[in-house]
């Protein structure tokens, strides 16, 4: 007959710390308070200066393309739009010609 294993309160990492001790050492999410700058104003108004400040901070994080990348990708987009527009125009004319010859 197999012996029943006793439940251990230690974790599997081998350092011997108990689960209860780990839970006490980590702060609960309800204990953490947000900084006043990240909270919207409680008076219900829109903080224009805060919005502009945050927008400027986010724009500083943007990795802007070089002039060569910008020109190359712009040319690619313009060529693809021209190609698709020409294809749609030609297919439209083809269907127009086919419908004229079949139905008239």
N, C-alpha and C. Protein backbone atom coordinates (compact mmCIF):
# COMPACT_ATOMS: atom_id res chain seq x y z
N UNK A 1 0.83 -1.17 0.00
CA UNK A 1 0.00 0.00 0.00
C UNK A 1 0.89 1.24 0.00
N UNK A 2 0.55 2.21 -0.87
CA UNK A 2 1.37 3.41 -1.00
C UNK A 2 1.08 4.40 0.11
N UNK A 3 2.13 5.06 0.56
CA UNK A 3 1.97 6.07 1.61
C UNK A 3 1.51 7.37 0.97
N UNK A 4 0.66 8.06 1.70
CA UNK A 4 0.19 9.36 1.21
C UNK A 4 1.27 10.40 1.46
N UNK A 5 1.46 11.26 0.45
CA UNK A 5 2.45 12.33 0.60
C UNK A 5 1.85 13.47 1.40
N UNK A 6 2.67 14.04 2.23
CA UNK A 6 2.27 15.17 3.03
C UNK A 6 2.37 16.44 2.18
N UNK A 7 1.37 17.33 2.25
CA UNK A 7 1.43 18.58 1.49
C UNK A 7 2.50 19.47 2.08
N UNK A 8 3.32 19.98 1.21
CA UNK A 8 4.41 20.83 1.65
C UNK A 8 4.06 22.28 1.36
N UNK A 9 4.45 23.16 2.26
CA UNK A 9 4.22 24.59 2.04
C UNK A 9 5.40 25.25 1.36
N UNK A 10 6.44 24.47 1.08
CA UNK A 10 7.59 25.05 0.40
C UNK A 10 7.38 24.98 -1.09
N UNK A 11 7.99 25.92 -1.81
CA UNK A 11 7.88 25.92 -3.27
C UNK A 11 8.88 24.94 -3.86
N UNK A 12 8.80 24.73 -5.15
CA UNK A 12 9.65 23.77 -5.84
C UNK A 12 11.01 24.33 -6.20
N UNK A 13 11.28 25.56 -5.85
CA UNK A 13 12.56 26.15 -6.24
C UNK A 13 13.69 25.69 -5.34
N UNK A 14 13.36 25.10 -4.19
CA UNK A 14 14.39 24.55 -3.33
C UNK A 14 14.97 25.53 -2.34
N UNK A 15 14.44 26.75 -2.29
CA UNK A 15 15.00 27.69 -1.34
C UNK A 15 14.30 27.65 0.00
N UNK A 16 13.22 26.86 0.12
CA UNK A 16 12.57 26.65 1.39
C UNK A 16 11.62 27.75 1.80
N UNK A 17 11.37 28.74 0.96
CA UNK A 17 10.44 29.79 1.36
C UNK A 17 9.02 29.28 1.21
N UNK A 18 8.18 29.66 2.12
CA UNK A 18 6.81 29.16 2.08
C UNK A 18 5.96 30.05 1.19
N UNK A 19 4.85 29.48 0.75
CA UNK A 19 3.94 30.20 -0.13
C UNK A 19 3.35 31.41 0.61
N UNK A 20 3.03 31.22 1.88
CA UNK A 20 2.46 32.32 2.66
C UNK A 20 3.46 33.47 2.79
N UNK A 21 4.72 33.14 2.97
CA UNK A 21 5.74 34.18 3.09
C UNK A 21 5.90 34.93 1.77
N UNK A 22 5.81 34.21 0.64
CA UNK A 22 5.92 34.87 -0.67
C UNK A 22 4.74 35.80 -0.90
N UNK A 23 3.55 35.35 -0.48
CA UNK A 23 2.38 36.19 -0.69
C UNK A 23 2.45 37.45 0.15
N UNK A 24 2.99 37.36 1.35
CA UNK A 24 3.10 38.54 2.20
C UNK A 24 4.13 39.52 1.66
N UNK A 25 5.16 39.02 0.99
CA UNK A 25 6.22 39.90 0.53
C UNK A 25 5.86 40.66 -0.74
N UNK A 26 4.92 40.11 -1.53
CA UNK A 26 4.54 40.80 -2.76
C UNK A 26 3.34 41.69 -2.48
N UNK A 27 3.37 42.93 -2.95
CA UNK A 27 2.25 43.83 -2.69
C UNK A 27 1.05 43.44 -3.54
N UNK A 28 -0.11 43.58 -2.97
CA UNK A 28 -1.35 43.32 -3.71
C UNK A 28 -1.61 44.50 -4.64
N UNK A 29 -2.37 44.25 -5.69
CA UNK A 29 -2.63 45.32 -6.65
C UNK A 29 -3.48 46.42 -6.05
N UNK A 30 -4.28 46.10 -5.03
CA UNK A 30 -5.08 47.14 -4.41
C UNK A 30 -4.23 48.07 -3.54
N UNK A 31 -3.05 47.60 -3.11
CA UNK A 31 -2.18 48.43 -2.29
C UNK A 31 -1.41 49.45 -3.11
N UNK A 32 -1.27 49.21 -4.40
CA UNK A 32 -0.49 50.09 -5.25
C UNK A 32 -1.36 51.27 -5.67
N UNK A 33 -0.86 52.47 -5.44
CA UNK A 33 -1.60 53.66 -5.86
C UNK A 33 -0.88 54.30 -7.02
N UNK A 34 -1.65 54.85 -7.93
CA UNK A 34 -1.07 55.48 -9.12
C UNK A 34 -0.55 56.86 -8.74
N UNK A 35 0.41 57.30 -9.51
CA UNK A 35 0.95 58.65 -9.27
C UNK A 35 -0.08 59.67 -9.73
N UNK A 36 -0.11 60.83 -9.12
CA UNK A 36 -1.11 61.83 -9.49
C UNK A 36 -1.01 62.29 -10.93
N UNK A 37 0.19 62.21 -11.55
CA UNK A 37 0.32 62.69 -12.92
C UNK A 37 -0.31 61.73 -13.92
N UNK A 38 -0.43 60.43 -13.57
CA UNK A 38 -0.99 59.47 -14.53
C UNK A 38 -2.51 59.38 -14.42
N UNK A 39 -3.10 59.95 -13.36
CA UNK A 39 -4.54 59.92 -13.17
C UNK A 39 -5.18 61.09 -13.91
N UNK A 40 -6.33 60.86 -14.55
CA UNK A 40 -7.03 62.00 -15.14
C UNK A 40 -7.59 62.87 -14.02
N UNK A 41 -7.81 64.11 -14.34
CA UNK A 41 -8.31 65.01 -13.32
C UNK A 41 -9.71 64.60 -12.91
N UNK A 42 -9.96 64.64 -11.61
CA UNK A 42 -11.23 64.17 -11.09
C UNK A 42 -12.35 65.18 -11.29
N UNK A 43 -12.04 66.41 -11.65
CA UNK A 43 -13.08 67.41 -11.83
C UNK A 43 -13.82 67.25 -13.16
N UNK A 44 -13.40 66.29 -13.97
CA UNK A 44 -14.12 65.99 -15.20
C UNK A 44 -13.68 66.82 -16.39
N UNK A 45 -12.75 67.73 -16.22
CA UNK A 45 -12.29 68.55 -17.33
C UNK A 45 -11.17 67.88 -18.10
N UNK A 46 -10.91 68.38 -19.28
CA UNK A 46 -9.84 67.85 -20.12
C UNK A 46 -8.59 68.69 -19.88
N UNK A 47 -7.51 68.02 -19.52
CA UNK A 47 -6.25 68.71 -19.22
C UNK A 47 -5.47 68.88 -20.52
N UNK A 48 -5.58 70.04 -21.14
CA UNK A 48 -4.94 70.32 -22.42
C UNK A 48 -3.43 70.28 -22.30
N UNK A 49 -2.89 70.90 -21.26
CA UNK A 49 -1.44 70.96 -21.10
C UNK A 49 -0.86 69.58 -20.81
N UNK A 50 -1.59 68.77 -20.03
CA UNK A 50 -1.14 67.41 -19.77
C UNK A 50 -1.15 66.57 -21.04
N UNK A 51 -2.19 66.77 -21.85
CA UNK A 51 -2.28 66.06 -23.13
C UNK A 51 -1.12 66.43 -24.04
N UNK A 52 -0.83 67.72 -24.14
CA UNK A 52 0.28 68.17 -24.99
C UNK A 52 1.62 67.66 -24.49
N UNK A 53 1.79 67.63 -23.17
CA UNK A 53 3.04 67.14 -22.59
C UNK A 53 3.22 65.65 -22.90
N UNK A 54 2.15 64.86 -22.70
CA UNK A 54 2.22 63.42 -22.98
C UNK A 54 2.41 63.16 -24.48
N UNK A 55 1.78 63.98 -25.31
CA UNK A 55 1.95 63.82 -26.76
C UNK A 55 3.39 64.07 -27.17
N UNK A 56 3.99 65.09 -26.58
CA UNK A 56 5.39 65.40 -26.90
C UNK A 56 6.32 64.27 -26.44
N UNK A 57 6.03 63.70 -25.26
CA UNK A 57 6.83 62.59 -24.76
C UNK A 57 6.72 61.38 -25.68
N UNK A 58 5.52 61.09 -26.16
CA UNK A 58 5.33 59.95 -27.05
C UNK A 58 6.01 60.19 -28.40
N UNK A 59 5.94 61.41 -28.91
CA UNK A 59 6.59 61.73 -30.19
C UNK A 59 8.11 61.63 -30.07
N UNK A 60 8.64 61.86 -28.88
CA UNK A 60 10.09 61.73 -28.68
C UNK A 60 10.52 60.27 -28.77
N UNK A 61 9.61 59.34 -28.51
CA UNK A 61 9.93 57.91 -28.57
C UNK A 61 9.89 57.35 -29.99
N UNK A 62 9.30 58.09 -30.91
CA UNK A 62 9.12 57.60 -32.28
C UNK A 62 10.46 57.52 -32.99
N UNK A 63 10.67 56.43 -33.71
CA UNK A 63 11.86 56.29 -34.54
C UNK A 63 11.47 56.76 -35.94
N UNK A 64 11.91 57.94 -36.30
CA UNK A 64 11.53 58.53 -37.57
C UNK A 64 12.38 57.94 -38.70
N UNK A 65 11.78 57.75 -39.89
CA UNK A 65 12.55 57.19 -41.01
C UNK A 65 13.54 58.22 -41.56
N UNK A 66 14.58 57.70 -42.18
CA UNK A 66 15.54 58.60 -42.82
C UNK A 66 14.92 59.14 -44.11
N UNK A 67 15.56 60.15 -44.69
CA UNK A 67 15.04 60.74 -45.92
C UNK A 67 15.00 59.69 -47.04
N UNK A 68 16.03 58.83 -47.10
CA UNK A 68 16.09 57.80 -48.14
C UNK A 68 14.95 56.79 -47.97
N UNK A 69 14.68 56.38 -46.73
CA UNK A 69 13.58 55.45 -46.49
C UNK A 69 12.25 56.10 -46.86
N UNK A 70 12.08 57.34 -46.48
CA UNK A 70 10.82 58.05 -46.74
C UNK A 70 10.56 58.16 -48.24
N UNK A 71 11.58 58.53 -48.99
CA UNK A 71 11.41 58.67 -50.45
C UNK A 71 11.15 57.31 -51.09
N UNK A 72 11.92 56.31 -50.69
CA UNK A 72 11.75 54.98 -51.27
C UNK A 72 10.38 54.39 -51.00
N UNK A 73 9.90 54.50 -49.79
CA UNK A 73 8.59 53.95 -49.45
C UNK A 73 7.46 54.76 -50.07
N UNK A 74 7.64 56.08 -50.19
CA UNK A 74 6.62 56.91 -50.85
C UNK A 74 6.51 56.56 -52.32
N UNK A 75 7.64 56.35 -52.99
CA UNK A 75 7.62 55.97 -54.40
C UNK A 75 6.94 54.61 -54.57
N UNK A 76 7.23 53.68 -53.66
CA UNK A 76 6.60 52.36 -53.71
C UNK A 76 5.09 52.47 -53.58
N UNK A 77 4.62 53.27 -52.65
CA UNK A 77 3.17 53.43 -52.46
C UNK A 77 2.54 54.06 -53.69
N UNK A 78 3.16 55.10 -54.23
CA UNK A 78 2.61 55.76 -55.41
C UNK A 78 2.56 54.80 -56.60
N UNK A 79 3.60 54.01 -56.80
CA UNK A 79 3.60 53.03 -57.89
C UNK A 79 2.53 51.97 -57.71
N UNK A 80 2.36 51.47 -56.49
CA UNK A 80 1.35 50.44 -56.25
C UNK A 80 -0.06 50.99 -56.45
N UNK A 81 -0.32 52.22 -56.00
CA UNK A 81 -1.64 52.82 -56.19
C UNK A 81 -1.90 53.01 -57.68
N UNK A 82 -0.90 53.46 -58.43
CA UNK A 82 -1.04 53.63 -59.88
C UNK A 82 -1.30 52.29 -60.56
N UNK A 83 -0.58 51.26 -60.15
CA UNK A 83 -0.77 49.92 -60.73
C UNK A 83 -2.16 49.38 -60.46
N UNK A 84 -2.64 49.50 -59.24
CA UNK A 84 -3.97 48.99 -58.90
C UNK A 84 -5.05 49.81 -59.61
N UNK A 85 -4.91 51.13 -59.66
CA UNK A 85 -5.90 51.96 -60.35
C UNK A 85 -5.96 51.63 -61.83
N UNK A 86 -4.80 51.42 -62.46
CA UNK A 86 -4.76 51.07 -63.88
C UNK A 86 -5.40 49.70 -64.12
N UNK A 87 -5.12 48.76 -63.24
CA UNK A 87 -5.71 47.42 -63.37
C UNK A 87 -7.23 47.49 -63.26
N UNK A 88 -7.73 48.23 -62.29
CA UNK A 88 -9.19 48.36 -62.13
C UNK A 88 -9.79 49.05 -63.34
N UNK A 89 -9.13 50.07 -63.86
CA UNK A 89 -9.62 50.76 -65.06
C UNK A 89 -9.70 49.82 -66.25
N UNK A 90 -8.64 49.03 -66.45
CA UNK A 90 -8.62 48.10 -67.60
C UNK A 90 -9.67 47.00 -67.45
N UNK A 91 -9.82 46.44 -66.28
CA UNK A 91 -10.83 45.40 -66.06
C UNK A 91 -12.23 45.98 -66.24
N UNK A 92 -12.46 47.20 -65.77
CA UNK A 92 -13.76 47.86 -65.95
C UNK A 92 -14.06 48.06 -67.43
N UNK A 93 -13.07 48.52 -68.19
CA UNK A 93 -13.28 48.69 -69.63
C UNK A 93 -13.52 47.35 -70.32
N UNK A 94 -12.83 46.31 -69.89
CA UNK A 94 -13.04 44.98 -70.47
C UNK A 94 -14.46 44.50 -70.23
N UNK A 95 -14.94 44.63 -69.00
CA UNK A 95 -16.31 44.20 -68.70
C UNK A 95 -17.34 45.07 -69.42
N UNK A 96 -17.04 46.35 -69.54
CA UNK A 96 -17.94 47.24 -70.28
C UNK A 96 -18.04 46.82 -71.75
N UNK A 97 -16.89 46.54 -72.35
CA UNK A 97 -16.88 46.10 -73.75
C UNK A 97 -17.59 44.76 -73.91
N UNK A 98 -17.35 43.82 -72.98
CA UNK A 98 -18.00 42.51 -73.04
C UNK A 98 -19.51 42.64 -72.90
N UNK A 99 -19.97 43.46 -71.97
CA UNK A 99 -21.41 43.61 -71.79
C UNK A 99 -22.06 44.29 -73.00
N UNK A 100 -21.34 45.22 -73.65
CA UNK A 100 -21.87 45.86 -74.85
C UNK A 100 -21.98 44.86 -76.00
N UNK A 101 -20.98 44.00 -76.16
CA UNK A 101 -21.02 43.05 -77.28
C UNK A 101 -22.01 41.92 -77.03
N UNK A 102 -22.21 41.50 -75.79
CA UNK A 102 -23.12 40.40 -75.49
C UNK A 102 -24.58 40.85 -75.47
N UNK A 103 -24.85 41.97 -74.82
CA UNK A 103 -26.24 42.37 -74.59
C UNK A 103 -26.78 43.36 -75.60
N UNK A 104 -26.00 43.90 -76.51
CA UNK A 104 -26.52 44.84 -77.50
C UNK A 104 -26.48 44.31 -78.86
